[in-house]
PDB file of N, CA and C in Angstrom:
ATOM      1  N   MET A   1     -21.436  78.302  32.201  1.00  0.00           N
ATOM      2  CA  MET A   1     -20.066  78.889  32.242  1.00  0.00           C
ATOM      3  C   MET A   1     -20.253  80.434  32.232  1.00  0.00           C
ATOM      4  N   GLY A   2     -19.476  81.078  33.150  1.00  0.00           N
ATOM      5  CA  GLY A   2     -19.570  82.502  33.222  1.00  0.00           C
ATOM      6  C   GLY A   2     -18.854  83.213  32.092  1.00  0.00           C
ATOM      7  N   TRP A   3     -19.084  84.508  32.102  1.00  0.00           N
ATOM      8  CA  TRP A   3     -18.344  85.307  31.042  1.00  0.00           C
ATOM      9  C   TRP A   3     -16.820  85.331  31.270  1.00  0.00           C
ATOM     10  N   LEU A   4     -16.369  85.283  32.483  1.00  0.00           N
ATOM     11  CA  LEU A   4     -14.945  85.277  32.707  1.00  0.00           C
ATOM     12  C   LEU A   4     -14.339  83.985  32.068  1.00  0.00           C
ATOM     13  N   TRP A   5     -14.931  82.850  32.313  1.00  0.00           N
ATOM     14  CA  TRP A   5     -14.425  81.614  31.676  1.00  0.00           C
ATOM     15  C   TRP A   5     -14.473  81.634  30.198  1.00  0.00           C
ATOM     16  N   PHE A   6     -15.521  82.308  29.611  1.00  0.00           N
ATOM     17  CA  PHE A   6     -15.659  82.426  28.170  1.00  0.00           C
ATOM     18  C   PHE A   6     -14.518  83.319  27.634  1.00  0.00           C
ATOM     19  N   ILE A   7     -14.073  84.335  28.353  1.00  0.00           N
ATOM     20  CA  ILE A   7     -13.067  85.183  27.906  1.00  0.00           C
ATOM     21  C   ILE A   7     -11.654  84.458  28.064  1.00  0.00           C
ATOM     22  N   ILE A   8     -11.560  83.695  29.121  1.00  0.00           N
ATOM     23  CA  ILE A   8     -10.210  82.979  29.365  1.00  0.00           C
ATOM     24  C   ILE A   8     -10.124  81.847  28.332  1.00  0.00           C
ATOM     25  N   ILE A   9     -11.129  81.183  28.057  1.00  0.00           N
ATOM     26  CA  ILE A   9     -11.054  80.093  27.012  1.00  0.00           C
ATOM     27  C   ILE A   9     -10.771  80.720  25.687  1.00  0.00           C
ATOM     28  N   GLY A  10     -11.433  81.895  25.394  1.00  0.00           N
ATOM     29  CA  GLY A  10     -11.191  82.543  24.172  1.00  0.00           C
ATOM     30  C   GLY A  10      -9.758  83.006  23.983  1.00  0.00           C
ATOM     31  N   ALA A  11      -9.184  83.550  25.062  1.00  0.00           N
ATOM     32  CA  ALA A  11      -7.787  83.933  24.999  1.00  0.00           C
ATOM     33  C   ALA A  11      -6.836  82.817  24.722  1.00  0.00           C
ATOM     34  N   VAL A  12      -7.059  81.667  25.439  1.00  0.00           N
ATOM     35  CA  VAL A  12      -6.203  80.529  25.221  1.00  0.00           C
ATOM     36  C   VAL A  12      -6.402  79.999  23.831  1.00  0.00           C
ATOM     37  N   ALA A  13      -7.686  79.770  23.468  1.00  0.00           N
ATOM     38  CA  ALA A  13      -7.890  79.302  22.060  1.00  0.00           C
ATOM     39  C   ALA A  13      -7.285  80.175  20.922  1.00  0.00           C
ATOM     40  N   GLY A  14      -7.417  81.514  21.094  1.00  0.00           N
ATOM     41  CA  GLY A  14      -6.869  82.403  20.168  1.00  0.00           C
ATOM     42  C   GLY A  14      -5.375  82.315  20.119  1.00  0.00           C
ATOM     43  N   TRP A  15      -4.747  82.221  21.257  1.00  0.00           N
ATOM     44  CA  TRP A  15      -3.307  82.078  21.351  1.00  0.00           C
ATOM     45  C   TRP A  15      -2.858  80.758  20.718  1.00  0.00           C
ATOM     46  N   LEU A  16      -3.506  79.649  21.096  1.00  0.00           N
ATOM     47  CA  LEU A  16      -3.135  78.464  20.500  1.00  0.00           C
ATOM     48  C   LEU A  16      -3.267  78.339  18.912  1.00  0.00           C
ATOM     49  N   ALA A  17      -4.404  78.937  18.501  1.00  0.00           N
ATOM     50  CA  ALA A  17      -4.717  78.953  17.032  1.00  0.00           C
ATOM     51  C   ALA A  17      -3.692  79.860  16.328  1.00  0.00           C
ATOM     52  N   GLY A  18      -3.250  80.892  16.920  1.00  0.00           N
ATOM     53  CA  GLY A  18      -2.267  81.809  16.302  1.00  0.00           C
ATOM     54  C   GLY A  18      -0.933  81.094  16.221  1.00  0.00           C
ATOM     55  N   ASN A  19      -0.619  80.380  17.288  1.00  0.00           N
ATOM     56  CA  ASN A  19       0.636  79.587  17.252  1.00  0.00           C
ATOM     57  C   ASN A  19       0.591  78.452  16.173  1.00  0.00           C
ATOM     58  N   ILE A  20      -0.505  77.785  16.078  1.00  0.00           N
ATOM     59  CA  ILE A  20      -0.629  76.760  15.103  1.00  0.00           C
ATOM     60  C   ILE A  20      -0.650  77.277  13.650  1.00  0.00           C
ATOM     61  N   MET A  21      -1.314  78.363  13.416  1.00  0.00           N
ATOM     62  CA  MET A  21      -1.518  78.865  12.044  1.00  0.00           C
ATOM     63  C   MET A  21      -0.441  79.777  11.583  1.00  0.00           C
ATOM     64  N   ARG A  22       0.125  80.511  12.477  1.00  0.00           N
ATOM     65  CA  ARG A  22       1.161  81.515  11.946  1.00  0.00           C
ATOM     66  C   ARG A  22       2.394  81.567  12.794  1.00  0.00           C
ATOM     67  N   GLY A  23       2.556  80.746  13.833  1.00  0.00           N
ATOM     68  CA  GLY A  23       3.745  80.770  14.611  1.00  0.00           C
ATOM     69  C   GLY A  23       3.851  81.698  15.741  1.00  0.00           C
ATOM     70  N   GLY A  24       2.796  82.385  16.089  1.00  0.00           N
ATOM     71  CA  GLY A  24       2.702  83.293  17.194  1.00  0.00           C
ATOM     72  C   GLY A  24       1.411  83.825  17.482  1.00  0.00           C
ATOM     73  N   GLY A  25       1.156  84.276  18.664  1.00  0.00           N
ATOM     74  CA  GLY A  25      -0.170  84.878  19.014  1.00  0.00           C
ATOM     75  C   GLY A  25      -0.380  86.221  18.444  1.00  0.00           C
ATOM     76  N   PHE A  26      -1.471  86.935  18.760  1.00  0.00           N
ATOM     77  CA  PHE A  26      -1.764  88.180  18.256  1.00  0.00           C
ATOM     78  C   PHE A  26      -1.854  89.296  19.288  1.00  0.00           C
ATOM     79  N   GLY A  27      -1.502  88.929  20.445  1.00  0.00           N
ATOM     80  CA  GLY A  27      -1.670  89.931  21.630  1.00  0.00           C
ATOM     81  C   GLY A  27      -2.910  89.566  22.368  1.00  0.00           C
ATOM     82  N   LEU A  28      -3.069  89.976  23.589  1.00  0.00           N
ATOM     83  CA  LEU A  28      -4.191  89.528  24.509  1.00  0.00           C
ATOM     84  C   LEU A  28      -5.554  89.809  23.884  1.00  0.00           C
ATOM     85  N   LEU A  29      -5.749  91.097  23.488  1.00  0.00           N
ATOM     86  CA  LEU A  29      -7.079  91.439  23.014  1.00  0.00           C
ATOM     87  C   LEU A  29      -7.468  90.725  21.734  1.00  0.00           C
ATOM     88  N   MET A  30      -6.575  90.663  20.739  1.00  0.00           N
ATOM     89  CA  MET A  30      -6.897  89.895  19.526  1.00  0.00           C
ATOM     90  C   MET A  30      -7.006  88.414  19.731  1.00  0.00           C
ATOM     91  N   ASN A  31      -6.229  87.917  20.654  1.00  0.00           N
ATOM     92  CA  ASN A  31      -6.364  86.415  20.981  1.00  0.00           C
ATOM     93  C   ASN A  31      -7.793  86.185  21.563  1.00  0.00           C
ATOM     94  N   ILE A  32      -8.307  87.078  22.400  1.00  0.00           N
ATOM     95  CA  ILE A  32      -9.635  86.941  22.920  1.00  0.00           C
ATOM     96  C   ILE A  32     -10.662  86.992  21.817  1.00  0.00           C
ATOM     97  N   VAL A  33     -10.562  88.042  20.943  1.00  0.00           N
ATOM     98  CA  VAL A  33     -11.413  88.161  19.870  1.00  0.00           C
ATOM     99  C   VAL A  33     -11.495  86.958  18.895  1.00  0.00           C
ATOM    100  N   VAL A  34     -10.284  86.502  18.523  1.00  0.00           N
ATOM    101  CA  VAL A  34     -10.154  85.338  17.652  1.00  0.00           C
ATOM    102  C   VAL A  34     -10.762  84.118  18.370  1.00  0.00           C
ATOM    103  N   GLY A  35     -10.427  83.942  19.635  1.00  0.00           N
ATOM    104  CA  GLY A  35     -10.914  82.759  20.382  1.00  0.00           C
ATOM    105  C   GLY A  35     -12.527  82.827  20.577  1.00  0.00           C
ATOM    106  N   VAL A  36     -13.028  83.932  20.850  1.00  0.00           N
ATOM    107  CA  VAL A  36     -14.509  84.029  21.062  1.00  0.00           C
ATOM    108  C   VAL A  36     -15.240  83.842  19.791  1.00  0.00           C
ATOM    109  N   VAL A  37     -14.784  84.531  18.644  1.00  0.00           N
ATOM    110  CA  VAL A  37     -15.372  84.300  17.393  1.00  0.00           C
ATOM    111  C   VAL A  37     -15.167  82.835  16.951  1.00  0.00           C
ATOM    112  N   GLY A  38     -14.006  82.239  17.287  1.00  0.00           N
ATOM    113  CA  GLY A  38     -13.753  80.837  16.943  1.00  0.00           C
ATOM    114  C   GLY A  38     -14.721  79.986  17.754  1.00  0.00           C
ATOM    115  N   ALA A  39     -15.006  80.309  18.948  1.00  0.00           N
ATOM    116  CA  ALA A  39     -15.949  79.479  19.694  1.00  0.00           C
ATOM    117  C   ALA A  39     -17.306  79.515  19.092  1.00  0.00           C
ATOM    118  N   LEU A  40     -17.750  80.643  18.571  1.00  0.00           N
ATOM    119  CA  LEU A  40     -19.069  80.685  17.922  1.00  0.00           C
ATOM    120  C   LEU A  40     -19.019  79.845  16.630  1.00  0.00           C
ATOM    121  N   ILE A  41     -17.957  79.973  15.833  1.00  0.00           N
ATOM    122  CA  ILE A  41     -17.842  79.254  14.576  1.00  0.00           C
ATOM    123  C   ILE A  41     -17.774  77.704  14.882  1.00  0.00           C
ATOM    124  N   GLY A  42     -16.898  77.414  15.875  1.00  0.00           N
ATOM    125  CA  GLY A  42     -16.698  75.968  16.182  1.00  0.00           C
ATOM    126  C   GLY A  42     -18.020  75.374  16.658  1.00  0.00           C
ATOM    127  N   GLY A  43     -18.815  76.047  17.496  1.00  0.00           N
ATOM    128  CA  GLY A  43     -20.045  75.564  17.965  1.00  0.00           C
ATOM    129  C   GLY A  43     -21.016  75.287  16.813  1.00  0.00           C
ATOM    130  N   TRP A  44     -21.023  76.244  15.892  1.00  0.00           N
ATOM    131  CA  TRP A  44     -21.943  76.236  14.724  1.00  0.00           C
ATOM    132  C   TRP A  44     -21.481  74.973  13.837  1.00  0.00           C
ATOM    133  N   VAL A  45     -20.245  74.902  13.536  1.00  0.00           N
ATOM    134  CA  VAL A  45     -19.724  73.767  12.710  1.00  0.00           C
ATOM    135  C   VAL A  45     -20.002  72.393  13.335  1.00  0.00           C
ATOM    136  N   PHE A  46     -19.651  72.266  14.670  1.00  0.00           N
ATOM    137  CA  PHE A  46     -19.888  71.016  15.342  1.00  0.00           C
ATOM    138  C   PHE A  46     -21.389  70.649  15.444  1.00  0.00           C
ATOM    139  N   ASP A  47     -22.241  71.716  15.548  1.00  0.00           N
ATOM    140  CA  ASP A  47     -23.651  71.436  15.505  1.00  0.00           C
ATOM    141  C   ASP A  47     -24.150  70.877  14.192  1.00  0.00           C
ATOM    142  N   LEU A  48     -23.619  71.541  13.107  1.00  0.00           N
ATOM    143  CA  LEU A  48     -23.872  71.087  11.718  1.00  0.00           C
ATOM    144  C   LEU A  48     -23.482  69.638  11.460  1.00  0.00           C
ATOM    145  N   LEU A  49     -22.367  69.240  12.022  1.00  0.00           N
ATOM    146  CA  LEU A  49     -21.850  67.908  11.844  1.00  0.00           C
ATOM    147  C   LEU A  49     -22.410  66.942  12.840  1.00  0.00           C
ATOM    148  N   GLY A  50     -23.145  67.437  13.763  1.00  0.00           N
ATOM    149  CA  GLY A  50     -23.776  66.564  14.815  1.00  0.00           C
ATOM    150  C   GLY A  50     -22.792  65.973  15.836  1.00  0.00           C
ATOM    151  N   ILE A  51     -21.725  66.772  16.027  1.00  0.00           N
ATOM    152  CA  ILE A  51     -20.667  66.363  16.966  1.00  0.00           C
ATOM    153  C   ILE A  51     -20.850  67.113  18.264  1.00  0.00           C
ATOM    154  N   GLY A  52     -20.940  66.383  19.295  1.00  0.00           N
ATOM    155  CA  GLY A  52     -21.041  67.018  20.636  1.00  0.00           C
ATOM    156  C   GLY A  52     -19.784  66.877  21.375  1.00  0.00           C
ATOM    157  N   THR A  53     -19.258  68.066  21.924  1.00  0.00           N
ATOM    158  CA  THR A  53     -18.026  68.063  22.593  1.00  0.00           C
ATOM    159  C   THR A  53     -18.264  68.133  24.156  1.00  0.00           C
ATOM    160  N   GLY A  54     -19.433  68.162  24.542  1.00  0.00           N
ATOM    161  CA  GLY A  54     -19.707  68.248  25.987  1.00  0.00           C
ATOM    162  C   GLY A  54     -19.751  69.707  26.510  1.00  0.00           C
ATOM    163  N   ASP A  55     -20.000  69.835  27.778  1.00  0.00           N
ATOM    164  CA  ASP A  55     -20.077  71.191  28.331  1.00  0.00           C
ATOM    165  C   ASP A  55     -18.867  71.512  29.201  1.00  0.00           C
ATOM    166  N   GLY A  56     -17.930  70.637  29.298  1.00  0.00           N
ATOM    167  CA  GLY A  56     -16.785  70.861  30.180  1.00  0.00           C
ATOM    168  C   GLY A  56     -15.787  71.822  29.605  1.00  0.00           C
ATOM    169  N   LEU A  57     -14.706  72.057  30.399  1.00  0.00           N
ATOM    170  CA  LEU A  57     -13.734  73.021  29.982  1.00  0.00           C
ATOM    171  C   LEU A  57     -12.945  72.570  28.792  1.00  0.00           C
ATOM    172  N   ILE A  58     -12.541  71.300  28.748  1.00  0.00           N
ATOM    173  CA  ILE A  58     -11.800  70.764  27.613  1.00  0.00           C
ATOM    174  C   ILE A  58     -12.660  70.830  26.350  1.00  0.00           C
ATOM    175  N   GLY A  59     -13.856  70.380  26.461  1.00  0.00           N
ATOM    176  CA  GLY A  59     -14.785  70.467  25.218  1.00  0.00           C
ATOM    177  C   GLY A  59     -14.904  71.828  24.721  1.00  0.00           C
ATOM    178  N   SER A  60     -15.080  72.860  25.573  1.00  0.00           N
ATOM    179  CA  SER A  60     -15.232  74.194  25.148  1.00  0.00           C
ATOM    180  C   SER A  60     -13.974  74.678  24.587  1.00  0.00           C
ATOM    181  N   LEU A  61     -12.791  74.321  25.107  1.00  0.00           N
ATOM    182  CA  LEU A  61     -11.535  74.734  24.531  1.00  0.00           C
ATOM    183  C   LEU A  61     -11.265  74.176  23.131  1.00  0.00           C
ATOM    184  N   ILE A  62     -11.605  72.902  23.035  1.00  0.00           N
ATOM    185  CA  ILE A  62     -11.464  72.204  21.727  1.00  0.00           C
ATOM    186  C   ILE A  62     -12.393  72.909  20.668  1.00  0.00           C
ATOM    187  N   THR A  63     -13.666  73.144  21.043  1.00  0.00           N
ATOM    188  CA  THR A  63     -14.608  73.767  20.141  1.00  0.00           C
ATOM    189  C   THR A  63     -14.041  75.172  19.696  1.00  0.00           C
ATOM    190  N   ALA A  64     -13.598  76.016  20.709  1.00  0.00           N
ATOM    191  CA  ALA A  64     -13.082  77.301  20.398  1.00  0.00           C
ATOM    192  C   ALA A  64     -11.837  77.179  19.505  1.00  0.00           C
ATOM    193  N   LEU A  65     -10.946  76.266  19.826  1.00  0.00           N
ATOM    194  CA  LEU A  65      -9.691  76.160  19.044  1.00  0.00           C
ATOM    195  C   LEU A  65      -9.981  75.758  17.595  1.00  0.00           C
ATOM    196  N   VAL A  66     -10.843  74.727  17.316  1.00  0.00           N
ATOM    197  CA  VAL A  66     -11.169  74.327  16.011  1.00  0.00           C
ATOM    198  C   VAL A  66     -11.837  75.540  15.257  1.00  0.00           C
ATOM    199  N   GLY A  67     -12.685  76.204  15.904  1.00  0.00           N
ATOM    200  CA  GLY A  67     -13.299  77.406  15.235  1.00  0.00           C
ATOM    201  C   GLY A  67     -12.344  78.433  14.977  1.00  0.00           C
ATOM    202  N   ALA A  68     -11.362  78.658  15.832  1.00  0.00           N
ATOM    203  CA  ALA A  68     -10.402  79.769  15.675  1.00  0.00           C
ATOM    204  C   ALA A  68      -9.384  79.375  14.496  1.00  0.00           C
ATOM    205  N   ILE A  69      -9.133  78.168  14.405  1.00  0.00           N
ATOM    206  CA  ILE A  69      -8.234  77.671  13.352  1.00  0.00           C
ATOM    207  C   ILE A  69      -9.038  77.825  12.058  1.00  0.00           C
ATOM    208  N   LEU A  70     -10.245  77.493  11.974  1.00  0.00           N
ATOM    209  CA  LEU A  70     -11.049  77.728  10.778  1.00  0.00           C
ATOM    210  C   LEU A  70     -11.142  79.119  10.346  1.00  0.00           C
ATOM    211  N   LEU A  71     -11.367  79.982  11.345  1.00  0.00           N
ATOM    212  CA  LEU A  71     -11.366  81.423  11.133  1.00  0.00           C
ATOM    213  C   LEU A  71     -10.094  81.967  10.555  1.00  0.00           C
ATOM    214  N   LEU A  72      -8.965  81.642  11.126  1.00  0.00           N
ATOM    215  CA  LEU A  72      -7.649  82.056  10.652  1.00  0.00           C
ATOM    216  C   LEU A  72      -7.416  81.507   9.217  1.00  0.00           C
ATOM    217  N   TRP A  73      -7.760  80.268   9.009  1.00  0.00           N
ATOM    218  CA  TRP A  73      -7.577  79.616   7.661  1.00  0.00           C
ATOM    219  C   TRP A  73      -8.393  80.398   6.585  1.00  0.00           C
ATOM    220  N   VAL A  74      -9.598  80.739   6.871  1.00  0.00           N
ATOM    221  CA  VAL A  74     -10.484  81.456   5.904  1.00  0.00           C
ATOM    222  C   VAL A  74      -9.857  82.897   5.763  1.00  0.00           C
ATOM    223  N   ILE A  75      -9.435  83.571   6.709  1.00  0.00           N
ATOM    224  CA  ILE A  75      -8.801  84.922   6.610  1.00  0.00           C
ATOM    225  C   ILE A  75      -7.550  84.803   5.755  1.00  0.00           C
ATOM    226  N   SER A  76      -6.786  83.686   5.961  1.00  0.00           N
ATOM    227  CA  SER A  76      -5.572  83.566   5.193  1.00  0.00           C
ATOM    228  C   SER A  76      -5.876  83.358   3.688  1.00  0.00           C
ATOM    229  N   LEU A  77      -7.012  82.741   3.336  1.00  0.00           N
ATOM    230  CA  LEU A  77      -7.377  82.565   1.956  1.00  0.00           C
ATOM    231  C   LEU A  77      -7.680  83.950   1.239  1.00  0.00           C
ATOM    232  N   PHE A  78      -8.344  84.854   2.010  1.00  0.00           N
ATOM    233  CA  PHE A  78      -8.628  86.198   1.479  1.00  0.00           C
ATOM    234  C   PHE A  78      -7.387  87.041   1.471  1.00  0.00           C
ATOM    235  N   LYS A  79      -6.466  86.850   2.307  1.00  0.00           N
ATOM    236  CA  LYS A  79      -5.208  87.674   2.252  1.00  0.00           C
ATOM    237  C   LYS A  79      -4.351  87.354   1.051  1.00  0.00           C
ATOM    238  N   ARG A  80      -4.350  86.108   0.679  1.00  0.00           N
ATOM    239  CA  ARG A  80      -3.464  85.654  -0.477  1.00  0.00           C
ATOM    240  C   ARG A  80      -4.131  86.260  -1.777  1.00  0.00           C
ATOM    241  N   ALA A  81      -5.433  86.321  -1.880  1.00  0.00           N
ATOM    242  CA  ALA A  81      -6.041  86.667  -3.133  1.00  0.00           C
ATOM    243  C   ALA A  81      -5.855  88.190  -3.500  1.00  0.00           C
TER     244      ALA A  81
END
């Protein structure tokens, strides 16, 4: 998958995670950052659990979305403290 697809999936995953976790996105640049970091976290977590999502577009989006949600959840824990 090329860098352009990685950025597009990151933007979509960041936007979806923002809508799920706080009711709105973060803007294009932050959606991309949240989604890309989420993809890295999601890939790491799925690898630890032995879960394979495949190499397709949907699998990549699910991995990035789950990772982005986990990222936003952890950040929200620190914001409350």
